[in-house]
Protein backbone atom coordinates (compact mmCIF):
# COMPACT_ATOMS: atom_id res chain seq x y z
CA MET A 1 26.34 21.63 3.72
CA THR A 2 24.02 21.16 0.22
CA VAL A 3 22.44 17.59 -0.21
CA SER A 4 20.78 16.35 -3.46
CA VAL A 5 18.01 13.64 -3.32
CA ILE A 6 17.21 12.35 -6.24
CA CYS A 7 13.41 10.27 -6.74
CA SER A 8 12.17 8.27 -9.10
CA ALA A 9 8.59 8.34 -8.57
CA GLN A 10 7.63 7.85 -12.38
CA VAL A 11 9.29 4.80 -14.93
CA ARG A 12 9.06 5.86 -19.06
CA VAL A 13 7.10 2.76 -20.56
CA LYS A 14 8.09 2.14 -24.42
CA GLY A 15 5.09 1.71 -26.63
CA TYR A 16 4.86 -2.23 -27.16
CA TYR A 17 2.14 -4.47 -28.67
CA ARG A 18 -0.38 -6.30 -26.27
CA LYS A 19 -1.45 -10.30 -26.98
CA ASP A 20 -4.37 -8.88 -28.46
CA GLY A 21 -2.79 -6.71 -31.09
CA THR A 22 -4.02 -3.34 -30.18
CA TYR A 23 -0.86 -0.64 -29.89
CA VAL A 24 -0.13 1.21 -26.59
CA ARG A 25 1.49 4.50 -26.99
CA PRO A 26 4.91 5.28 -24.97
CA HIS A 27 4.00 7.03 -21.77
CA VAL A 28 4.74 7.64 -18.54
CA ARG A 29 3.63 5.79 -14.89
CA SER A 30 4.24 5.17 -11.60
CA ASN A 31 7.23 3.13 -10.27
CA PRO A 32 6.01 0.18 -9.15
CA ASP A 33 7.19 -0.64 -5.64
CA GLY A 34 3.99 -2.58 -4.66
CA ASN A 35 2.28 -0.32 -2.40
CA PRO A 36 -1.18 0.78 -4.73
CA TYR A 37 -1.84 3.75 -2.40
CA ASN A 38 0.92 5.91 -4.25
CA ASN A 39 -0.81 4.59 -7.98
CA TRP A 40 -1.90 7.61 -9.96
CA SER A 41 -4.71 5.32 -10.45
CA TYR A 42 -5.39 4.69 -6.87
CA PRO A 43 -8.45 6.84 -6.27
CA GLY A 44 -8.36 10.52 -5.44
CA ASN A 45 -5.06 10.68 -6.61
CA VAL A 46 -4.14 12.86 -9.21
CA ASN A 47 -1.35 12.19 -12.25
CA PRO A 48 0.94 14.89 -12.03
CA TYR A 49 1.27 14.78 -16.31
CA THR A 50 -2.56 14.74 -16.99
CA GLY A 51 -4.18 16.72 -13.23
CA LYS A 52 -6.70 13.87 -13.93
CA VAL A 53 -8.05 12.58 -10.35
CA ALA A 54 -8.73 8.89 -10.29
CA THR A 55 -11.89 7.87 -9.80
CA GLY A 56 -13.76 4.64 -8.79
CA ASN A 57 -14.05 3.08 -5.36
CA PRO A 58 -11.12 2.39 -3.06
CA ASP A 59 -11.95 -1.05 -1.94
CA THR A 60 -12.52 -2.17 -5.17
CA TYR A 61 -9.59 -1.40 -6.99
CA LEU A 62 -7.60 -2.70 -3.91
CA LYS A 63 -9.72 -6.26 -4.42
CA ASN A 64 -8.51 -5.89 -8.18
CA TYR A 65 -5.26 -5.38 -7.64
CA ARG A 66 -4.68 -7.72 -5.13
CA LYS A 67 -6.07 -9.98 -7.70
CA ASP A 68 -3.94 -9.23 -10.08
CA ARG A 69 -0.89 -9.67 -8.55
CA GLY A 70 -1.01 -13.03 -8.19
CA SER A 71 -1.01 -15.89 -5.78
CA SER A 72 1.64 -13.96 -3.41
CA GLY A 73 -0.81 -10.78 -3.66
CA ARG A 74 -3.53 -12.86 -1.94
CA VAL A 75 -5.74 -11.20 0.63
CA VAL A 76 -5.79 -13.28 3.61
CA ILE A 77 -8.98 -13.24 5.97
CA PRO A 78 -8.05 -13.16 9.65
CA LYS A 79 -8.84 -16.24 11.24
CA LYS A 80 -9.33 -13.88 14.51
CA ALA A 81 -11.32 -10.68 13.67
CA ILE A 82 -11.41 -8.31 16.53
CA SER A 83 -12.50 -4.42 16.48
CA ASN A 84 -11.30 -1.31 18.48
CA VAL A 85 -8.19 -2.31 19.80
CA ARG A 86 -5.42 0.29 19.46
CA ALA A 87 -1.77 -0.56 19.55
CA TRP A 88 1.67 1.60 19.33
CA VAL A 89 4.38 0.43 16.98
CA SER A 90 7.36 -0.82 19.37
CA ALA A 91 10.03 -1.39 16.36
CA ASN A 92 11.81 1.86 15.01
CA VAL A 93 10.68 0.97 11.47
CA LEU A 94 8.00 -1.69 10.84
CA ASN A 95 7.38 -2.79 7.52
CA VAL A 96 3.57 -3.50 6.49
CA ARG A 97 2.52 -6.49 4.20
CA LEU A 98 0.06 -7.74 1.88
CA SER A 99 -0.54 -10.98 3.54
CA PRO A 100 1.01 -12.80 6.84
CA SER A 101 3.95 -13.75 5.70
CA VAL A 102 7.67 -12.82 5.54
CA GLY A 103 7.98 -12.91 1.81
CA SER A 104 4.72 -11.18 0.81
CA SER A 105 5.22 -7.29 -0.46
CA ILE A 106 5.58 -4.80 1.54
CA VAL A 107 3.03 -2.04 1.30
CA GLY A 108 3.97 0.55 3.57
CA LYS A 109 6.13 0.93 6.39
CA LEU A 110 5.23 2.25 10.15
CA ASN A 111 7.30 3.82 12.40
CA TYR A 112 8.28 3.86 15.91
CA SER A 113 4.83 5.28 18.32
CA ASP A 114 2.62 5.05 15.26
CA THR A 115 -0.91 4.23 16.84
CA VAL A 116 -2.67 1.81 14.39
CA GLU A 117 -6.01 -0.16 14.96
CA VAL A 118 -6.06 -3.88 14.97
CA HIS A 119 -8.59 -5.86 13.02
CA GLY A 120 -7.71 -9.41 13.43
CA LEU A 121 -5.18 -11.44 13.82
CA TYR A 122 -3.91 -14.67 11.69
CA GLY A 123 -1.34 -16.40 14.11
CA ASN A 124 1.85 -14.50 15.04
CA TRP A 125 0.11 -11.77 12.47
CA ALA A 126 -1.99 -9.01 13.32
CA PHE A 127 -4.11 -6.99 10.63
CA VAL A 128 -3.81 -3.57 11.21
CA LYS A 129 -5.06 0.12 9.59
CA TYR A 130 -3.35 3.10 10.11
CA ARG A 131 -4.83 6.24 9.25
CA TYR A 132 -2.46 9.16 8.39
CA ILE A 133 -2.60 12.67 6.19
CA ASP A 134 -0.01 13.55 3.18
CA SER A 135 1.40 16.15 1.73
CA TYR A 136 -1.77 17.03 0.30
CA TYR A 137 -4.10 17.45 3.53
CA LYS A 138 -5.69 14.05 2.41
CA VAL A 139 -6.43 11.55 4.96
CA ASN A 140 -4.93 7.90 3.64
CA ILE A 141 -5.42 4.68 4.93
CA LEU A 142 -2.75 2.25 4.86
CA GLU A 143 -3.67 -0.92 5.43
CA GLY A 144 -1.92 -4.60 5.86
CA TYR A 145 -0.26 -6.88 8.21
CA VAL A 146 2.65 -6.43 11.05
CA PHE A 147 3.94 -8.90 13.02
CA ILE A 148 2.19 -8.92 16.42
CA LYS A 149 5.89 -8.71 17.76
CA TYR A 150 6.29 -4.83 17.19
CA LEU A 151 3.08 -3.80 18.74
CA ILE A 152 2.56 -2.64 22.66
CA THR A 153 -1.43 -2.52 23.60
CA ARG A 154 -2.20 -0.95 26.57
């Protein structure tokens, strides 16, 4: 049996003029999916077309990314900060969101039994960080808000 999978990780952008009159040439960019960690411009990621490694500070990049996304991308500070709490995901798939709201952008997904670090609580939401190794053996961190009902602590 043969299975074909088509992934659309890129988008072709036609040339256009900015408001200030500057012309932007046609180019290819990563597919917009609301996840800043898989953008080619995220520090440490490699643009597959140019081979260039994106430079910069990941924290500064994320701050600017969230600021540019408007009110739906605002960073919400947890009301109760906690540290050194590990939790496990009890749902088959758990959405990680940019802010503690069901209407907020999904920045990633966690799977059953993934271990996360809980860094704060905001009502029924937990601010978590999940460390994982990608296919290039690079350690990455997914951070955001998850509904606390789907976490187990021991």
